[in-house]
Amino acid sequence: MSIIGHVDSLWRYPVKSMRGEEMEEIFAGYAGVYGDRLFAFVSAGQPKGFPYFTGREQRQMIRYRARFRDPAKAVAPSNLSEAEAFNAWPLPVSSAELRVEVETPDEKVFAIDDPALIDSLRAGIDHGHEIRLIRSDRAFTDCAPLSFLSLQTVRQLEKESETRVDKRQFRANVYLDLPGLAPFAEDEFVGRSLRLGSKVVAAITKRDGRCMMITLDPDTAEKSPPVLKTVAQKHDGKTGVYSAVLVEGLVRKGDPVELLD
């Protein structure tokens, strides 16, 4: 076991494919990050195996800011202290506590369930299929519920693609600073576990296969194709890793990261 770096930053995404919010701390549970990807939009025109309406269909969607109306209640389960003291289950996400609103790029604000929000998402694109909102107590993630990416990997991709790369393009939950390790070192963590801070343990399950979403600038939604081309040609189409949480708890920015045997 050894300390290999620290947590650079923490992110969650209240609505799938919309802009993420940086957090000072997150609750990493078995179902994923508390408050992460609780809502998603689905399209009748998408495959049943991946029904989501995302930035692939509407690039501007990644500029929509989803936020909780009561941020203080949206950090961790309301009974977290009791659960830790008595070895009880943390309460699941509550609809009443985690009400979400969305600010559009033109600064209009809608409740997450306002039909006008769907009209806004349709603007400027040719999409004739029904779009509807869905909600879950568990994160609508593409694979395992907690994702990691190192800053060293981001910097290496910037060099290889010869273009500016913003770490936010990869939409990870946890960005790691691993100063003593080579870029893409996280690929070698598959099959092992990381301890974040004093408690949380996450088992690294697989590398993260990438799509055109990583080409989108998080501020402008403009495309940068060389990023995906580099990932496809030099890294088997994968960047970052997915994990399953083995021990729940709070993770804080700056926490040490330990690689377990």
C-alpha atoms as a PDB file:
ATOM      1  CA  MET A   1       0.000   0.000   0.000  1.00  0.00           C
ATOM      2  CA  SER A   2       1.319   3.476  -0.840  1.00  0.00           C
ATOM      3  CA  ILE A   3       0.233   7.100  -1.146  1.00  0.00           C
ATOM      4  CA  ILE A   4       0.424   7.924  -4.863  1.00  0.00           C
ATOM      5  CA  GLY A   5      -1.073  11.420  -4.958  1.00  0.00           C
ATOM      6  CA  HIS A   6      -4.077  13.439  -3.884  1.00  0.00           C
ATOM      7  CA  VAL A   7      -7.553  14.430  -4.993  1.00  0.00           C
ATOM      8  CA  ASP A   8      -7.224  17.446  -7.277  1.00  0.00           C
ATOM      9  CA  SER A   9     -10.935  18.188  -7.664  1.00  0.00           C
ATOM     10  CA  LEU A  10     -14.374  16.645  -7.227  1.00  0.00           C
ATOM     11  CA  TRP A  11     -17.313  16.944  -9.610  1.00  0.00           C
ATOM     12  CA  ARG A  12     -20.896  15.859  -9.916  1.00  0.00           C
ATOM     13  CA  TYR A  13     -23.467  16.305 -12.651  1.00  0.00           C
ATOM     14  CA  PRO A  14     -27.060  16.693 -11.375  1.00  0.00           C
ATOM     15  CA  VAL A  15     -28.433  16.201 -14.898  1.00  0.00           C
ATOM     16  CA  LYS A  16     -26.813  13.775 -17.306  1.00  0.00           C
ATOM     17  CA  SER A  17     -24.910  15.594 -20.076  1.00  0.00           C
ATOM     18  CA  MET A  18     -25.357  19.044 -18.526  1.00  0.00           C
ATOM     19  CA  ARG A  19     -22.567  21.104 -16.960  1.00  0.00           C
ATOM     20  CA  GLY A  20     -20.984  19.703 -13.815  1.00  0.00           C
ATOM     21  CA  GLU A  21     -20.434  21.484 -10.517  1.00  0.00           C
ATOM     22  CA  GLU A  22     -17.156  21.438  -8.627  1.00  0.00           C
ATOM     23  CA  MET A  23     -17.484  20.329  -4.995  1.00  0.00           C
ATOM     24  CA  GLU A  24     -15.281  20.729  -1.938  1.00  0.00           C
ATOM     25  CA  GLU A  25     -16.520  17.333  -0.763  1.00  0.00           C
ATOM     26  CA  ILE A  26     -18.762  14.564  -2.078  1.00  0.00           C
ATOM     27  CA  PHE A  27     -20.439  11.543  -0.552  1.00  0.00           C
ATOM     28  CA  ALA A  28     -19.319   8.473  -2.494  1.00  0.00           C
ATOM     29  CA  GLY A  29     -21.859   5.702  -1.939  1.00  0.00           C
ATOM     30  CA  TYR A  30     -22.486   2.295  -3.420  1.00  0.00           C
ATOM     31  CA  ALA A  31     -24.892   3.875  -5.924  1.00  0.00           C
ATOM     32  CA  GLY A  32     -22.439   6.610  -6.847  1.00  0.00           C
ATOM     33  CA  VAL A  33     -21.886  10.226  -5.874  1.00  0.00           C
ATOM     34  CA  TYR A  34     -24.777  11.685  -3.874  1.00  0.00           C
ATOM     35  CA  GLY A  35     -26.712  13.999  -6.184  1.00  0.00           C
ATOM     36  CA  ASP A  36     -24.883  12.859  -9.323  1.00  0.00           C
ATOM     37  CA  ARG A  37     -26.825  12.331 -12.574  1.00  0.00           C
ATOM     38  CA  LEU A  38     -30.183  12.041 -10.795  1.00  0.00           C
ATOM     39  CA  PHE A  39     -31.983  13.336 -13.854  1.00  0.00           C
ATOM     40  CA  ALA A  40     -31.666  12.527 -17.521  1.00  0.00           C
ATOM     41  CA  PHE A  41     -33.542  13.239 -20.699  1.00  0.00           C
ATOM     42  CA  VAL A  42     -34.427  10.323 -22.957  1.00  0.00           C
ATOM     43  CA  SER A  43     -35.454  10.309 -26.584  1.00  0.00           C
ATOM     44  CA  ALA A  44     -37.847   7.935 -28.330  1.00  0.00           C
ATOM     45  CA  GLY A  45     -35.410   7.940 -31.237  1.00  0.00           C
ATOM     46  CA  GLN A  46     -32.493   6.513 -29.286  1.00  0.00           C
ATOM     47  CA  PRO A  47     -31.637   2.787 -28.893  1.00  0.00           C
ATOM     48  CA  LYS A  48     -33.238   1.035 -25.908  1.00  0.00           C
ATOM     49  CA  GLY A  49     -29.809   0.191 -24.534  1.00  0.00           C
ATOM     50  CA  PHE A  50     -28.808   3.871 -24.460  1.00  0.00           C
ATOM     51  CA  PRO A  51     -31.979   5.981 -24.617  1.00  0.00           C
ATOM     52  CA  TYR A  52     -30.441   9.239 -23.416  1.00  0.00           C
ATOM     53  CA  PHE A  53     -30.706  12.596 -25.140  1.00  0.00           C
ATOM     54  CA  THR A  54     -27.241  14.129 -24.626  1.00  0.00           C
ATOM     55  CA  GLY A  55     -24.622  16.461 -26.019  1.00  0.00           C
ATOM     56  CA  ARG A  56     -24.291  14.105 -28.970  1.00  0.00           C
ATOM     57  CA  GLU A  57     -27.671  15.338 -30.207  1.00  0.00           C
ATOM     58  CA  GLN A  58     -27.590  18.860 -28.746  1.00  0.00           C
ATOM     59  CA  ARG A  59     -24.047  20.134 -28.221  1.00  0.00           C
ATOM     60  CA  GLN A  60     -25.240  23.209 -26.312  1.00  0.00           C
ATOM     61  CA  MET A  61     -26.680  20.927 -23.624  1.00  0.00           C
ATOM     62  CA  ILE A  62     -23.271  20.739 -21.931  1.00  0.00           C
ATOM     63  CA  ARG A  63     -23.499  24.498 -21.267  1.00  0.00           C
ATOM     64  CA  TYR A  64     -26.788  24.207 -19.353  1.00  0.00           C
ATOM     65  CA  ARG A  65     -26.134  24.691 -15.620  1.00  0.00           C
ATOM     66  CA  ALA A  66     -28.089  22.350 -13.364  1.00  0.00           C
ATOM     67  CA  ARG A  67     -28.039  23.255  -9.674  1.00  0.00           C
ATOM     68  CA  PHE A  68     -29.763  22.262  -6.461  1.00  0.00           C
ATOM     69  CA  ARG A  69     -32.049  24.860  -4.937  1.00  0.00           C
ATOM     70  CA  ASP A  70     -30.856  23.901  -1.448  1.00  0.00           C
ATOM     71  CA  PRO A  71     -27.118  23.151  -1.872  1.00  0.00           C
ATOM     72  CA  ALA A  72     -26.532  22.519   1.847  1.00  0.00           C
ATOM     73  CA  LYS A  73     -28.902  19.540   1.781  1.00  0.00           C
ATOM     74  CA  ALA A  74     -27.470  18.172  -1.429  1.00  0.00           C
ATOM     75  CA  VAL A  75     -23.976  17.234  -0.227  1.00  0.00           C
ATOM     76  CA  ALA A  76     -24.651  13.980   1.646  1.00  0.00           C
ATOM     77  CA  PRO A  77     -27.492  11.836   3.040  1.00  0.00           C
ATOM     78  CA  SER A  78     -29.456  13.613   5.769  1.00  0.00           C
ATOM     79  CA  ASN A  79     -28.809  10.807   8.275  1.00  0.00           C
ATOM     80  CA  LEU A  80     -25.102  10.362   7.511  1.00  0.00           C
ATOM     81  CA  SER A  81     -23.866  10.900  11.098  1.00  0.00           C
ATOM     82  CA  GLU A  82     -26.444   8.474  12.474  1.00  0.00           C
ATOM     83  CA  ALA A  83     -25.672   5.920   9.785  1.00  0.00           C
ATOM     84  CA  GLU A  84     -21.966   6.012  10.555  1.00  0.00           C
ATOM     85  CA  ALA A  85     -22.507   5.854  14.314  1.00  0.00           C
ATOM     86  CA  PHE A  86     -24.908   2.907  14.262  1.00  0.00           C
ATOM     87  CA  ASN A  87     -23.795   1.071  11.127  1.00  0.00           C
ATOM     88  CA  ALA A  88     -27.098   1.904   9.430  1.00  0.00           C
ATOM     89  CA  TRP A  89     -27.845   2.571   5.776  1.00  0.00           C
ATOM     90  CA  PRO A  90     -27.593   6.182   4.572  1.00  0.00           C
ATOM     91  CA  LEU A  91     -30.977   7.406   3.375  1.00  0.00           C
ATOM     92  CA  PRO A  92     -31.465   7.534  -0.406  1.00  0.00           C
ATOM     93  CA  VAL A  93     -31.773  10.756  -2.333  1.00  0.00           C
ATOM     94  CA  SER A  94     -34.948  12.680  -1.482  1.00  0.00           C
ATOM     95  CA  SER A  95     -36.937  14.478  -4.174  1.00  0.00           C
ATOM     96  CA  ALA A  96     -37.970  17.187  -1.710  1.00  0.00           C
ATOM     97  CA  GLU A  97     -34.406  17.905  -0.579  1.00  0.00           C
ATOM     98  CA  LEU A  98     -32.797  17.727  -4.001  1.00  0.00           C
ATOM     99  CA  ARG A  99     -34.947  20.006  -6.127  1.00  0.00           C
ATOM    100  CA  VAL A 100     -33.088  21.037  -9.257  1.00  0.00           C
ATOM    101  CA  GLU A 101     -33.311  24.045 -11.536  1.00  0.00           C
ATOM    102  CA  VAL A 102     -31.495  24.647 -14.803  1.00  0.00           C
ATOM    103  CA  GLU A 103     -29.999  27.835 -16.213  1.00  0.00           C
ATOM    104  CA  THR A 104     -29.690  27.900 -19.992  1.00  0.00           C
ATOM    105  CA  PRO A 105     -26.771  29.488 -21.900  1.00  0.00           C
ATOM    106  CA  ASP A 106     -28.984  32.537 -22.519  1.00  0.00           C
ATOM    107  CA  GLU A 107     -29.552  32.863 -18.734  1.00  0.00           C
ATOM    108  CA  LYS A 108     -33.146  31.658 -18.582  1.00  0.00           C
ATOM    109  CA  VAL A 109     -33.946  29.534 -15.520  1.00  0.00           C
ATOM    110  CA  PHE A 110     -36.379  26.602 -15.529  1.00  0.00           C
ATOM    111  CA  ALA A 111     -37.437  24.032 -12.970  1.00  0.00           C
ATOM    112  CA  ILE A 112     -36.073  20.664 -14.059  1.00  0.00           C
ATOM    113  CA  ASP A 113     -39.600  19.397 -14.869  1.00  0.00           C
ATOM    114  CA  ASP A 114     -40.754  22.501 -16.770  1.00  0.00           C
ATOM    115  CA  PRO A 115     -41.787  21.454 -20.319  1.00  0.00           C
ATOM    116  CA  ALA A 116     -40.261  24.717 -21.569  1.00  0.00           C
ATOM    117  CA  LEU A 117     -36.842  23.289 -20.729  1.00  0.00           C
ATOM    118  CA  ILE A 118     -37.353  20.536 -23.304  1.00  0.00           C
ATOM    119  CA  ASP A 119     -38.410  23.161 -25.834  1.00  0.00           C
ATOM    120  CA  SER A 120     -35.161  24.991 -25.109  1.00  0.00           C
ATOM    121  CA  LEU A 121     -33.124  21.828 -25.640  1.00  0.00           C
ATOM    122  CA  ARG A 122     -34.759  21.321 -29.025  1.00  0.00           C
ATOM    123  CA  ALA A 123     -33.787  24.802 -30.202  1.00  0.00           C
ATOM    124  CA  GLY A 124     -31.531  24.880 -33.237  1.00  0.00           C
ATOM    125  CA  ILE A 125     -31.509  21.133 -33.930  1.00  0.00           C
ATOM    126  CA  ASP A 126     -33.539  18.783 -36.086  1.00  0.00           C
ATOM    127  CA  HIS A 127     -34.902  16.230 -33.644  1.00  0.00           C
ATOM    128  CA  GLY A 128     -38.447  15.050 -34.320  1.00  0.00           C
ATOM    129  CA  HIS A 129     -38.672  12.390 -31.613  1.00  0.00           C
ATOM    130  CA  GLU A 130     -40.358  12.696 -28.226  1.00  0.00           C
ATOM    131  CA  ILE A 131     -38.036  13.847 -25.425  1.00  0.00           C
ATOM    132  CA  ARG A 132     -38.972  13.313 -21.790  1.00  0.00           C
ATOM    133  CA  LEU A 133     -37.418  13.679 -18.349  1.00  0.00           C
ATOM    134  CA  ILE A 134     -36.659  10.725 -16.094  1.00  0.00           C
ATOM    135  CA  ARG A 135     -35.397  10.598 -12.501  1.00  0.00           C
ATOM    136  CA  SER A 136     -33.743   7.946 -10.355  1.00  0.00           C
ATOM    137  CA  ASP A 137     -32.390   7.524  -6.815  1.00  0.00           C
ATOM    138  CA  ARG A 138     -29.262   6.078  -8.452  1.00  0.00           C
ATOM    139  CA  ALA A 139     -26.965   7.880 -10.850  1.00  0.00           C
ATOM    140  CA  PHE A 140     -27.639   7.490 -14.570  1.00  0.00           C
ATOM    141  CA  THR A 141     -24.032   6.569 -15.287  1.00  0.00           C
ATOM    142  CA  ASP A 142     -22.825   4.858 -18.446  1.00  0.00           C
ATOM    143  CA  CYS A 143     -20.987   2.154 -16.511  1.00  0.00           C
ATOM    144  CA  ALA A 144     -19.736   1.884 -12.902  1.00  0.00           C
ATOM    145  CA  PRO A 145     -20.829   4.791 -10.668  1.00  0.00           C
ATOM    146  CA  LEU A 146     -17.551   6.565  -9.819  1.00  0.00           C
ATOM    147  CA  SER A 147     -15.052   7.739 -12.441  1.00  0.00           C
ATOM    148  CA  PHE A 148     -11.415   8.840 -12.155  1.00  0.00           C
ATOM    149  CA  LEU A 149      -8.943  10.654 -14.389  1.00  0.00           C
ATOM    150  CA  SER A 150      -5.453  11.942 -13.641  1.00  0.00           C
ATOM    151  CA  LEU A 151      -4.149  15.396 -14.477  1.00  0.00           C
ATOM    152  CA  GLN A 152      -1.044  13.746 -15.896  1.00  0.00           C
ATOM    153  CA  THR A 153      -3.185  11.938 -18.476  1.00  0.00           C
ATOM    154  CA  VAL A 154      -4.933  15.165 -19.456  1.00  0.00           C
ATOM    155  CA  ARG A 155      -1.600  16.932 -19.977  1.00  0.00           C
ATOM    156  CA  GLN A 156      -0.265  14.048 -22.039  1.00  0.00           C
ATOM    157  CA  LEU A 157      -3.308  14.138 -24.314  1.00  0.00           C
ATOM    158  CA  GLU A 158      -2.770  17.854 -24.777  1.00  0.00           C
ATOM    159  CA  LYS A 159       0.777  17.175 -25.981  1.00  0.00           C
ATOM    160  CA  GLU A 160      -0.183  14.271 -28.212  1.00  0.00           C
ATOM    161  CA  SER A 161      -3.166  16.016 -29.823  1.00  0.00           C
ATOM    162  CA  GLU A 162      -1.344  19.358 -30.121  1.00  0.00           C
ATOM    163  CA  THR A 163      -4.491  21.142 -29.001  1.00  0.00           C
ATOM    164  CA  ARG A 164      -5.769  22.702 -25.792  1.00  0.00           C
ATOM    165  CA  VAL A 165      -7.467  20.163 -23.540  1.00  0.00           C
ATOM    166  CA  ASP A 166      -9.678  21.064 -20.577  1.00  0.00           C
ATOM    167  CA  LYS A 167     -10.003  18.306 -17.983  1.00  0.00           C
ATOM    168  CA  ARG A 168     -13.745  19.025 -17.794  1.00  0.00           C
ATOM    169  CA  GLN A 169     -14.167  17.581 -21.286  1.00  0.00           C
ATOM    170  CA  PHE A 170     -13.895  14.119 -19.722  1.00  0.00           C
ATOM    171  CA  ARG A 171     -16.669  14.624 -17.129  1.00  0.00           C
ATOM    172  CA  ALA A 172     -15.013  12.566 -14.384  1.00  0.00           C
ATOM    173  CA  ASN A 173     -16.171  12.593 -10.771  1.00  0.00           C
ATOM    174  CA  VAL A 174     -12.665  12.584  -9.294  1.00  0.00           C
ATOM    175  CA  TYR A 175      -9.587  14.148 -10.869  1.00  0.00           C
ATOM    176  CA  LEU A 176      -6.349  12.852  -9.394  1.00  0.00           C
ATOM    177  CA  ASP A 177      -2.951  14.496  -9.195  1.00  0.00           C
ATOM    178  CA  LEU A 178      -0.393  11.667  -9.361  1.00  0.00           C
ATOM    179  CA  PRO A 179       2.925  13.564  -9.617  1.00  0.00           C
ATOM    180  CA  GLY A 180       5.182  10.535  -9.271  1.00  0.00           C
ATOM    181  CA  LEU A 181       3.421   8.444 -11.892  1.00  0.00           C
ATOM    182  CA  ALA A 182       3.399   8.473 -15.679  1.00  0.00           C
ATOM    183  CA  PRO A 183       0.428   9.592 -17.756  1.00  0.00           C
ATOM    184  CA  PHE A 184      -2.251   6.918 -18.107  1.00  0.00           C
ATOM    185  CA  ALA A 185      -0.983   5.242 -14.930  1.00  0.00           C
ATOM    186  CA  GLU A 186      -4.627   4.808 -13.875  1.00  0.00           C
ATOM    187  CA  ASP A 187      -5.008   2.192 -16.619  1.00  0.00           C
ATOM    188  CA  GLU A 188      -2.822  -0.085 -14.503  1.00  0.00           C
ATOM    189  CA  PHE A 189      -5.155   0.277 -11.503  1.00  0.00           C
ATOM    190  CA  VAL A 190      -7.821  -1.965 -13.047  1.00  0.00           C
ATOM    191  CA  GLY A 191      -8.314  -4.914 -10.700  1.00  0.00           C
ATOM    192  CA  ARG A 192      -6.926  -2.957  -7.732  1.00  0.00           C
ATOM    193  CA  SER A 193      -8.479  -0.472  -5.311  1.00  0.00           C
ATOM    194  CA  LEU A 194      -7.904   3.120  -4.245  1.00  0.00           C
ATOM    195  CA  ARG A 195      -8.462   4.575  -0.802  1.00  0.00           C
ATOM    196  CA  LEU A 196      -9.507   8.228  -0.868  1.00  0.00           C
ATOM    197  CA  GLY A 197      -8.873  10.038   2.383  1.00  0.00           C
ATOM    198  CA  SER A 198      -9.277   7.981   5.534  1.00  0.00           C
ATOM    199  CA  LYS A 199     -12.303   5.900   4.594  1.00  0.00           C
ATOM    200  CA  VAL A 200     -13.627   5.604   1.047  1.00  0.00           C
ATOM    201  CA  VAL A 201     -12.410   2.604  -0.944  1.00  0.00           C
ATOM    202  CA  ALA A 202     -13.159   2.200  -4.650  1.00  0.00           C
ATOM    203  CA  ALA A 203     -12.390  -0.868  -6.756  1.00  0.00           C
ATOM    204  CA  ILE A 204     -11.222   0.057 -10.258  1.00  0.00           C
ATOM    205  CA  THR A 205     -13.295  -2.044 -12.644  1.00  0.00           C
ATOM    206  CA  LYS A 206     -12.466  -0.999 -16.220  1.00  0.00           C
ATOM    207  CA  ARG A 207     -11.047   1.674 -18.504  1.00  0.00           C
ATOM    208  CA  ASP A 208     -13.417   4.341 -19.753  1.00  0.00           C
ATOM    209  CA  GLY A 209     -14.334   4.044 -23.430  1.00  0.00           C
ATOM    210  CA  ARG A 210     -14.765   7.466 -25.026  1.00  0.00           C
ATOM    211  CA  CYS A 211     -17.032   9.089 -27.611  1.00  0.00           C
ATOM    212  CA  MET A 212     -17.408  12.489 -29.293  1.00  0.00           C
ATOM    213  CA  MET A 213     -18.448  14.106 -25.993  1.00  0.00           C
ATOM    214  CA  ILE A 214     -14.768  14.594 -25.096  1.00  0.00           C
ATOM    215  CA  THR A 215     -14.306  16.793 -28.149  1.00  0.00           C
ATOM    216  CA  LEU A 216     -16.699  19.463 -26.829  1.00  0.00           C
ATOM    217  CA  ASP A 217     -15.329  22.576 -25.155  1.00  0.00           C
ATOM    218  CA  PRO A 218     -17.225  22.856 -21.826  1.00  0.00           C
ATOM    219  CA  ASP A 219     -17.578  26.633 -22.162  1.00  0.00           C
ATOM    220  CA  THR A 220     -18.427  27.012 -25.854  1.00  0.00           C
ATOM    221  CA  ALA A 221     -19.527  23.509 -26.984  1.00  0.00           C
ATOM    222  CA  GLU A 222     -17.203  23.884 -29.979  1.00  0.00           C
ATOM    223  CA  LYS A 223     -15.671  20.645 -31.266  1.00  0.00           C
ATOM    224  CA  SER A 224     -11.995  19.702 -31.099  1.00  0.00           C
ATOM    225  CA  PRO A 225     -11.763  16.450 -33.137  1.00  0.00           C
ATOM    226  CA  PRO A 226      -7.999  15.869 -32.555  1.00  0.00           C
ATOM    227  CA  VAL A 227      -8.704  14.900 -28.937  1.00  0.00           C
ATOM    228  CA  LEU A 228     -10.903  11.919 -29.806  1.00  0.00           C
ATOM    229  CA  LYS A 229      -8.657  10.987 -32.730  1.00  0.00           C
ATOM    230  CA  THR A 230      -5.652  10.830 -30.402  1.00  0.00           C
ATOM    231  CA  VAL A 231      -7.520   8.735 -27.842  1.00  0.00           C
ATOM    232  CA  ALA A 232      -8.702   6.357 -30.562  1.00  0.00           C
ATOM    233  CA  GLN A 233      -5.348   5.949 -32.302  1.00  0.00           C
ATOM    234  CA  LYS A 234      -2.973   5.915 -29.338  1.00  0.00           C
ATOM    235  CA  HIS A 235      -5.010   4.696 -26.364  1.00  0.00           C
ATOM    236  CA  ASP A 236      -7.504   2.130 -27.652  1.00  0.00           C
ATOM    237  CA  GLY A 237     -10.305   4.679 -27.480  1.00  0.00           C
ATOM    238  CA  LYS A 238     -10.092   4.834 -23.685  1.00  0.00           C
ATOM    239  CA  THR A 239      -9.191   7.535 -21.158  1.00  0.00           C
ATOM    240  CA  GLY A 240      -9.700   7.343 -17.393  1.00  0.00           C
ATOM    241  CA  VAL A 241     -11.238   4.533 -15.363  1.00  0.00           C
ATOM    242  CA  TYR A 242     -14.515   3.481 -13.775  1.00  0.00           C
ATOM    243  CA  SER A 243     -14.877   2.127 -10.262  1.00  0.00           C
ATOM    244  CA  ALA A 244     -17.309   0.557  -7.819  1.00  0.00           C
ATOM    245  CA  VAL A 245     -17.443   1.900  -4.256  1.00  0.00           C
ATOM    246  CA  LEU A 246     -16.572  -0.737  -1.637  1.00  0.00           C
ATOM    247  CA  VAL A 247     -16.568   1.523   1.437  1.00  0.00           C
ATOM    248  CA  GLU A 248     -18.886   4.540   1.501  1.00  0.00           C
ATOM    249  CA  GLY A 249     -18.029   7.940   2.936  1.00  0.00           C
ATOM    250  CA  LEU A 250     -17.067  11.541   2.311  1.00  0.00           C
ATOM    251  CA  VAL A 251     -14.226  12.451  -0.033  1.00  0.00           C
ATOM    252  CA  ARG A 252     -12.680  15.914   0.215  1.00  0.00           C
ATOM    253  CA  LYS A 253     -10.598  17.970  -2.150  1.00  0.00           C
ATOM    254  CA  GLY A 254      -6.924  17.447  -1.299  1.00  0.00           C
ATOM    255  CA  ASP A 255      -7.456  14.027   0.284  1.00  0.00           C
ATOM    256  CA  PRO A 256      -4.537  11.604  -0.094  1.00  0.00           C
ATOM    257  CA  VAL A 257      -4.948   8.785  -2.581  1.00  0.00           C
ATOM    258  CA  GLU A 258      -3.619   5.367  -1.632  1.00  0.00           C
ATOM    259  CA  LEU A 259      -3.179   2.447  -4.018  1.00  0.00           C
ATOM    260  CA  LEU A 260      -4.108  -0.780  -2.243  1.00  0.00           C
ATOM    261  CA  ASP A 261      -2.588  -4.193  -2.895  1.00  0.00           C
END
